[in-house]
Amino acid sequence: MAAAHSAACTAAGGIPDDRLSIERRSDGAILVRVQSTGSVGERLPDAVFSFRSGDPQYAYWLGRLNATARSGPTP
């Protein structure tokens, strides 16, 4: 079962918290989704990144996910 959380802080390159979500998949991979902005006809697809144990950024995103889980989702 995957748990999705909005990020609680804006440390990831200035991405606004309300556009960022972090999820842990059942296989242990971390999924990071950045929602696109723009009007309906001009909006690009969301940017989605996945990180697995051993990836250079895995520990960073796992820490962000755990910190968000401790503090709870933002309203």
PDB file of N, CA and C in Angstrom:
ATOM      1  N   MET A   1       0.847  -1.180   0.000  1.00  0.00           N
ATOM      2  CA  MET A   1       0.000   0.000   0.000  1.00  0.00           C
ATOM      3  C   MET A   1       0.888   1.237   0.000  1.00  0.00           C
ATOM      4  N   ALA A   2       0.683   2.136  -0.917  1.00  0.00           N
ATOM      5  CA  ALA A   2       1.510   3.334  -1.036  1.00  0.00           C
ATOM      6  C   ALA A   2       0.869   4.468  -0.254  1.00  0.00           C
ATOM      7  N   ALA A   3       1.704   5.238   0.403  1.00  0.00           N
ATOM      8  CA  ALA A   3       1.223   6.413   1.138  1.00  0.00           C
ATOM      9  C   ALA A   3       1.727   7.650   0.426  1.00  0.00           C
ATOM     10  N   ALA A   4       0.823   8.559   0.086  1.00  0.00           N
ATOM     11  CA  ALA A   4       1.197   9.797  -0.596  1.00  0.00           C
ATOM     12  C   ALA A   4       1.095  10.953   0.382  1.00  0.00           C
ATOM     13  N   HIS A   5       2.014  11.884   0.285  1.00  0.00           N
ATOM     14  CA  HIS A   5       2.043  13.040   1.175  1.00  0.00           C
ATOM     15  C   HIS A   5       2.464  14.256   0.381  1.00  0.00           C
ATOM     16  N   SER A   6       1.913  15.410   0.734  1.00  0.00           N
ATOM     17  CA  SER A   6       2.415  16.670   0.197  1.00  0.00           C
ATOM     18  C   SER A   6       3.674  17.015   0.965  1.00  0.00           C
ATOM     19  N   ALA A   7       4.617  17.624   0.320  1.00  0.00           N
ATOM     20  CA  ALA A   7       5.854  18.003   0.996  1.00  0.00           C
ATOM     21  C   ALA A   7       5.583  19.141   1.967  1.00  0.00           C
ATOM     22  N   ALA A   8       6.264  19.148   3.096  1.00  0.00           N
ATOM     23  CA  ALA A   8       6.043  20.160   4.122  1.00  0.00           C
ATOM     24  C   ALA A   8       6.979  21.351   3.983  1.00  0.00           C
ATOM     25  N   CYS A   9       8.047  21.224   3.227  1.00  0.00           N
ATOM     26  CA  CYS A   9       8.977  22.342   3.086  1.00  0.00           C
ATOM     27  C   CYS A   9       9.362  22.515   1.629  1.00  0.00           C
ATOM     28  N   THR A  10       9.969  23.629   1.312  1.00  0.00           N
ATOM     29  CA  THR A  10      10.285  23.963  -0.070  1.00  0.00           C
ATOM     30  C   THR A  10      11.781  23.917  -0.334  1.00  0.00           C
ATOM     31  N   ALA A  11      12.444  22.857   0.076  1.00  0.00           N
ATOM     32  CA  ALA A  11      13.885  22.751  -0.110  1.00  0.00           C
ATOM     33  C   ALA A  11      14.255  22.264  -1.514  1.00  0.00           C
ATOM     34  N   ALA A  12      13.321  21.708  -2.252  1.00  0.00           N
ATOM     35  CA  ALA A  12      13.616  21.095  -3.546  1.00  0.00           C
ATOM     36  C   ALA A  12      13.628  22.130  -4.663  1.00  0.00           C
ATOM     37  N   GLY A  13      14.658  22.928  -4.719  1.00  0.00           N
ATOM     38  CA  GLY A  13      14.835  23.860  -5.819  1.00  0.00           C
ATOM     39  C   GLY A  13      13.746  24.902  -5.952  1.00  0.00           C
ATOM     40  N   GLY A  14      13.123  25.276  -4.859  1.00  0.00           N
ATOM     41  CA  GLY A  14      12.099  26.305  -4.905  1.00  0.00           C
ATOM     42  C   GLY A  14      10.760  25.843  -5.441  1.00  0.00           C
ATOM     43  N   ILE A  15      10.500  24.557  -5.468  1.00  0.00           N
ATOM     44  CA  ILE A  15       9.208  24.052  -5.926  1.00  0.00           C
ATOM     45  C   ILE A  15       8.172  24.354  -4.842  1.00  0.00           C
ATOM     46  N   PRO A  16       7.078  25.033  -5.182  1.00  0.00           N
ATOM     47  CA  PRO A  16       6.049  25.319  -4.172  1.00  0.00           C
ATOM     48  C   PRO A  16       5.474  24.031  -3.593  1.00  0.00           C
ATOM     49  N   ASP A  17       5.263  24.024  -2.281  1.00  0.00           N
ATOM     50  CA  ASP A  17       4.781  22.833  -1.581  1.00  0.00           C
ATOM     51  C   ASP A  17       3.484  22.286  -2.161  1.00  0.00           C
ATOM     52  N   ASP A  18       2.593  23.165  -2.595  1.00  0.00           N
ATOM     53  CA  ASP A  18       1.299  22.694  -3.085  1.00  0.00           C
ATOM     54  C   ASP A  18       1.389  22.018  -4.455  1.00  0.00           C
ATOM     55  N   ARG A  19       2.554  22.060  -5.096  1.00  0.00           N
ATOM     56  CA  ARG A  19       2.750  21.387  -6.389  1.00  0.00           C
ATOM     57  C   ARG A  19       3.576  20.116  -6.277  1.00  0.00           C
ATOM     58  N   LEU A  20       4.042  19.783  -5.080  1.00  0.00           N
ATOM     59  CA  LEU A  20       4.958  18.663  -4.885  1.00  0.00           C
ATOM     60  C   LEU A  20       4.300  17.573  -4.052  1.00  0.00           C
ATOM     61  N   SER A  21       4.374  16.340  -4.509  1.00  0.00           N
ATOM     62  CA  SER A  21       3.917  15.218  -3.699  1.00  0.00           C
ATOM     63  C   SER A  21       4.977  14.118  -3.750  1.00  0.00           C
ATOM     64  N   ILE A  22       5.102  13.407  -2.634  1.00  0.00           N
ATOM     65  CA  ILE A  22       6.096  12.342  -2.506  1.00  0.00           C
ATOM     66  C   ILE A  22       5.364  11.094  -2.049  1.00  0.00           C
ATOM     67  N   GLU A  23       5.642   9.978  -2.692  1.00  0.00           N
ATOM     68  CA  GLU A  23       4.939   8.723  -2.423  1.00  0.00           C
ATOM     69  C   GLU A  23       5.941   7.579  -2.349  1.00  0.00           C
ATOM     70  N   ARG A  24       5.702   6.639  -1.453  1.00  0.00           N
ATOM     71  CA  ARG A  24       6.518   5.427  -1.403  1.00  0.00           C
ATOM     72  C   ARG A  24       5.699   4.290  -1.980  1.00  0.00           C
ATOM     73  N   ARG A  25       6.212   3.663  -3.022  1.00  0.00           N
ATOM     74  CA  ARG A  25       5.512   2.546  -3.655  1.00  0.00           C
ATOM     75  C   ARG A  25       5.740   1.268  -2.873  1.00  0.00           C
ATOM     76  N   SER A  26       4.924   0.273  -3.153  1.00  0.00           N
ATOM     77  CA  SER A  26       5.021  -1.002  -2.442  1.00  0.00           C
ATOM     78  C   SER A  26       6.364  -1.704  -2.678  1.00  0.00           C
ATOM     79  N   ASP A  27       7.053  -1.387  -3.785  1.00  0.00           N
ATOM     80  CA  ASP A  27       8.356  -1.992  -4.057  1.00  0.00           C
ATOM     81  C   ASP A  27       9.508  -1.207  -3.416  1.00  0.00           C
ATOM     82  N   GLY A  28       9.178  -0.157  -2.637  1.00  0.00           N
ATOM     83  CA  GLY A  28      10.193   0.622  -1.940  1.00  0.00           C
ATOM     84  C   GLY A  28      10.670   1.851  -2.688  1.00  0.00           C
ATOM     85  N   ALA A  29      10.322   1.973  -3.967  1.00  0.00           N
ATOM     86  CA  ALA A  29      10.738   3.146  -4.745  1.00  0.00           C
ATOM     87  C   ALA A  29      10.015   4.383  -4.231  1.00  0.00           C
ATOM     88  N   ILE A  30      10.695   5.525  -4.318  1.00  0.00           N
ATOM     89  CA  ILE A  30      10.108   6.807  -3.949  1.00  0.00           C
ATOM     90  C   ILE A  30       9.693   7.508  -5.245  1.00  0.00           C
ATOM     91  N   LEU A  31       8.433   7.930  -5.313  1.00  0.00           N
ATOM     92  CA  LEU A  31       7.910   8.650  -6.462  1.00  0.00           C
ATOM     93  C   LEU A  31       7.730  10.108  -6.079  1.00  0.00           C
ATOM     94  N   VAL A  32       8.292  11.011  -6.866  1.00  0.00           N
ATOM     95  CA  VAL A  32       8.162  12.450  -6.630  1.00  0.00           C
ATOM     96  C   VAL A  32       7.430  13.025  -7.833  1.00  0.00           C
ATOM     97  N   ARG A  33       6.304  13.698  -7.570  1.00  0.00           N
ATOM     98  CA  ARG A  33       5.500  14.289  -8.636  1.00  0.00           C
ATOM     99  C   ARG A  33       5.454  15.798  -8.443  1.00  0.00           C
ATOM    100  N   VAL A  34       5.758  16.532  -9.513  1.00  0.00           N
ATOM    101  CA  VAL A  34       5.667  17.989  -9.524  1.00  0.00           C
ATOM    102  C   VAL A  34       4.548  18.337 -10.497  1.00  0.00           C
ATOM    103  N   GLN A  35       3.473  18.909  -9.952  1.00  0.00           N
ATOM    104  CA  GLN A  35       2.328  19.264 -10.785  1.00  0.00           C
ATOM    105  C   GLN A  35       2.681  20.439 -11.687  1.00  0.00           C
ATOM    106  N   SER A  36       2.253  20.335 -12.914  1.00  0.00           N
ATOM    107  CA  SER A  36       2.489  21.384 -13.902  1.00  0.00           C
ATOM    108  C   SER A  36       1.560  22.567 -13.639  1.00  0.00           C
ATOM    109  N   THR A  37       1.945  23.714 -14.136  1.00  0.00           N
ATOM    110  CA  THR A  37       1.090  24.896 -14.045  1.00  0.00           C
ATOM    111  C   THR A  37       0.764  25.366 -15.454  1.00  0.00           C
ATOM    112  N   GLY A  38      -0.141  26.291 -15.551  1.00  0.00           N
ATOM    113  CA  GLY A  38      -0.526  26.845 -16.840  1.00  0.00           C
ATOM    114  C   GLY A  38      -2.006  26.643 -17.066  1.00  0.00           C
ATOM    115  N   SER A  39      -2.520  27.279 -18.117  1.00  0.00           N
ATOM    116  CA  SER A  39      -3.935  27.129 -18.438  1.00  0.00           C
ATOM    117  C   SER A  39      -4.165  25.755 -19.059  1.00  0.00           C
ATOM    118  N   VAL A  40      -5.406  25.334 -19.085  1.00  0.00           N
ATOM    119  CA  VAL A  40      -5.752  23.973 -19.499  1.00  0.00           C
ATOM    120  C   VAL A  40      -5.154  23.590 -20.851  1.00  0.00           C
ATOM    121  N   GLY A  41      -5.284  24.407 -21.856  1.00  0.00           N
ATOM    122  CA  GLY A  41      -4.780  24.072 -23.184  1.00  0.00           C
ATOM    123  C   GLY A  41      -3.271  24.129 -23.311  1.00  0.00           C
ATOM    124  N   GLU A  42      -2.599  24.810 -22.383  1.00  0.00           N
ATOM    125  CA  GLU A  42      -1.153  25.005 -22.476  1.00  0.00           C
ATOM    126  C   GLU A  42      -0.375  24.237 -21.417  1.00  0.00           C
ATOM    127  N   ARG A  43      -1.049  23.525 -20.549  1.00  0.00           N
ATOM    128  CA  ARG A  43      -0.391  22.843 -19.437  1.00  0.00           C
ATOM    129  C   ARG A  43       0.408  21.639 -19.920  1.00  0.00           C
ATOM    130  N   LEU A  44       1.630  21.548 -19.457  1.00  0.00           N
ATOM    131  CA  LEU A  44       2.479  20.395 -19.742  1.00  0.00           C
ATOM    132  C   LEU A  44       2.116  19.264 -18.783  1.00  0.00           C
ATOM    133  N   PRO A  45       2.498  18.037 -19.089  1.00  0.00           N
ATOM    134  CA  PRO A  45       2.258  16.939 -18.143  1.00  0.00           C
ATOM    135  C   PRO A  45       3.049  17.163 -16.853  1.00  0.00           C
ATOM    136  N   ASP A  46       2.579  16.567 -15.761  1.00  0.00           N
ATOM    137  CA  ASP A  46       3.321  16.615 -14.508  1.00  0.00           C
ATOM    138  C   ASP A  46       4.689  15.974 -14.710  1.00  0.00           C
ATOM    139  N   ALA A  47       5.672  16.456 -13.968  1.00  0.00           N
ATOM    140  CA  ALA A  47       6.997  15.836 -13.972  1.00  0.00           C
ATOM    141  C   ALA A  47       6.991  14.772 -12.878  1.00  0.00           C
ATOM    142  N   VAL A  48       7.387  13.548 -13.216  1.00  0.00           N
ATOM    143  CA  VAL A  48       7.395  12.449 -12.258  1.00  0.00           C
ATOM    144  C   VAL A  48       8.782  11.823 -12.259  1.00  0.00           C
ATOM    145  N   PHE A  49       9.353  11.700 -11.062  1.00  0.00           N
ATOM    146  CA  PHE A  49      10.684  11.123 -10.895  1.00  0.00           C
ATOM    147  C   PHE A  49      10.575   9.948  -9.938  1.00  0.00           C
ATOM    148  N   SER A  50      11.355   8.914 -10.171  1.00  0.00           N
ATOM    149  CA  SER A  50      11.386   7.790  -9.229  1.00  0.00           C
ATOM    150  C   SER A  50      12.829   7.545  -8.801  1.00  0.00           C
ATOM    151  N   PHE A  51      12.974   7.184  -7.540  1.00  0.00           N
ATOM    152  CA  PHE A  51      14.288   6.930  -6.966  1.00  0.00           C
ATOM    153  C   PHE A  51      14.239   5.605  -6.218  1.00  0.00           C
ATOM    154  N   ARG A  52      15.249   4.795  -6.419  1.00  0.00           N
ATOM    155  CA  ARG A  52      15.359   3.505  -5.741  1.00  0.00           C
ATOM    156  C   ARG A  52      16.584   3.518  -4.837  1.00  0.00           C
ATOM    157  N   SER A  53      16.563   2.630  -3.863  1.00  0.00           N
ATOM    158  CA  SER A  53      17.709   2.514  -2.961  1.00  0.00           C
ATOM    159  C   SER A  53      18.983   2.379  -3.789  1.00  0.00           C
ATOM    160  N   GLY A  54      19.978   3.163  -3.467  1.00  0.00           N
ATOM    161  CA  GLY A  54      21.225   3.169  -4.225  1.00  0.00           C
ATOM    162  C   GLY A  54      21.333   4.374  -5.152  1.00  0.00           C
ATOM    163  N   ASP A  55      20.194   4.978  -5.515  1.00  0.00           N
ATOM    164  CA  ASP A  55      20.218   6.202  -6.317  1.00  0.00           C
ATOM    165  C   ASP A  55      20.780   7.335  -5.470  1.00  0.00           C
ATOM    166  N   PRO A  56      21.552   8.249  -6.054  1.00  0.00           N
ATOM    167  CA  PRO A  56      22.161   9.337  -5.285  1.00  0.00           C
ATOM    168  C   PRO A  56      21.158  10.195  -4.507  1.00  0.00           C
ATOM    169  N   GLN A  57      19.948  10.397  -5.017  1.00  0.00           N
ATOM    170  CA  GLN A  57      18.980  11.260  -4.347  1.00  0.00           C
ATOM    171  C   GLN A  57      17.964  10.494  -3.501  1.00  0.00           C
ATOM    172  N   TYR A  58      18.071   9.184  -3.454  1.00  0.00           N
ATOM    173  CA  TYR A  58      17.078   8.374  -2.716  1.00  0.00           C
ATOM    174  C   TYR A  58      16.997   8.765  -1.243  1.00  0.00           C
ATOM    175  N   ALA A  59      18.116   8.885  -0.576  1.00  0.00           N
ATOM    176  CA  ALA A  59      18.121   9.210   0.856  1.00  0.00           C
ATOM    177  C   ALA A  59      17.494  10.580   1.112  1.00  0.00           C
ATOM    178  N   TYR A  60      17.751  11.536   0.229  1.00  0.00           N
ATOM    179  CA  TYR A  60      17.171  12.871   0.383  1.00  0.00           C
ATOM    180  C   TYR A  60      15.645  12.803   0.340  1.00  0.00           C
ATOM    181  N   TRP A  61      15.104  12.156  -0.694  1.00  0.00           N
ATOM    182  CA  TRP A  61      13.650  12.104  -0.850  1.00  0.00           C
ATOM    183  C   TRP A  61      13.002  11.216   0.202  1.00  0.00           C
ATOM    184  N   LEU A  62      13.674  10.171   0.631  1.00  0.00           N
ATOM    185  CA  LEU A  62      13.148   9.347   1.720  1.00  0.00           C
ATOM    186  C   LEU A  62      13.062  10.174   2.998  1.00  0.00           C
ATOM    187  N   GLY A  63      14.077  10.988   3.262  1.00  0.00           N
ATOM    188  CA  GLY A  63      14.055  11.880   4.413  1.00  0.00           C
ATOM    189  C   GLY A  63      12.918  12.880   4.325  1.00  0.00           C
ATOM    190  N   ARG A  64      12.695  13.438   3.139  1.00  0.00           N
ATOM    191  CA  ARG A  64      11.577  14.377   2.956  1.00  0.00           C
ATOM    192  C   ARG A  64      10.242  13.682   3.185  1.00  0.00           C
ATOM    193  N   LEU A  65      10.110  12.461   2.677  1.00  0.00           N
ATOM    194  CA  LEU A  65       8.869  11.705   2.862  1.00  0.00           C
ATOM    195  C   LEU A  65       8.634  11.414   4.340  1.00  0.00           C
ATOM    196  N   ASN A  66       9.671  10.968   5.037  1.00  0.00           N
ATOM    197  CA  ASN A  66       9.545  10.657   6.462  1.00  0.00           C
ATOM    198  C   ASN A  66       9.233  11.909   7.283  1.00  0.00           C
ATOM    199  N   ALA A  67       9.855  13.034   6.949  1.00  0.00           N
ATOM    200  CA  ALA A  67       9.590  14.279   7.658  1.00  0.00           C
ATOM    201  C   ALA A  67       8.149  14.718   7.454  1.00  0.00           C
ATOM    202  N   THR A  68       7.637  14.555   6.258  1.00  0.00           N
ATOM    203  CA  THR A  68       6.261  14.909   5.947  1.00  0.00           C
ATOM    204  C   THR A  68       5.299  13.996   6.700  1.00  0.00           C
ATOM    205  N   ALA A  69       5.630  12.714   6.769  1.00  0.00           N
ATOM    206  CA  ALA A  69       4.760  11.763   7.472  1.00  0.00           C
ATOM    207  C   ALA A  69       4.685  12.096   8.950  1.00  0.00           C
ATOM    208  N   ARG A  70       5.798  12.537   9.530  1.00  0.00           N
ATOM    209  CA  ARG A  70       5.820  12.909  10.961  1.00  0.00           C
ATOM    210  C   ARG A  70       5.002  14.161  11.217  1.00  0.00           C
ATOM    211  N   SER A  71       5.076  15.124  10.319  1.00  0.00           N
ATOM    212  CA  SER A  71       4.389  16.391  10.529  1.00  0.00           C
ATOM    213  C   SER A  71       2.958  16.369  10.006  1.00  0.00           C
ATOM    214  N   GLY A  72       2.624  15.373   9.200  1.00  0.00           N
ATOM    215  CA  GLY A  72       1.280  15.281   8.640  1.00  0.00           C
ATOM    216  C   GLY A  72       1.167  16.101   7.368  1.00  0.00           C
ATOM    217  N   PRO A  73       0.160  15.786   6.555  1.00  0.00           N
ATOM    218  CA  PRO A  73      -0.009  16.537   5.304  1.00  0.00           C
ATOM    219  C   PRO A  73      -0.407  17.978   5.575  1.00  0.00           C
ATOM    220  N   THR A  74      -0.002  18.859   4.670  1.00  0.00           N
ATOM    221  CA  THR A  74      -0.366  20.260   4.799  1.00  0.00           C
ATOM    222  C   THR A  74      -1.820  20.445   4.406  1.00  0.00           C
ATOM    223  N   PRO A  75      -2.545  21.330   5.092  1.00  0.00           N
ATOM    224  CA  PRO A  75      -3.986  21.517   4.769  1.00  0.00           C
ATOM    225  C   PRO A  75      -4.194  22.160   3.432  1.00  0.00           C
TER     226      PRO A  75
END
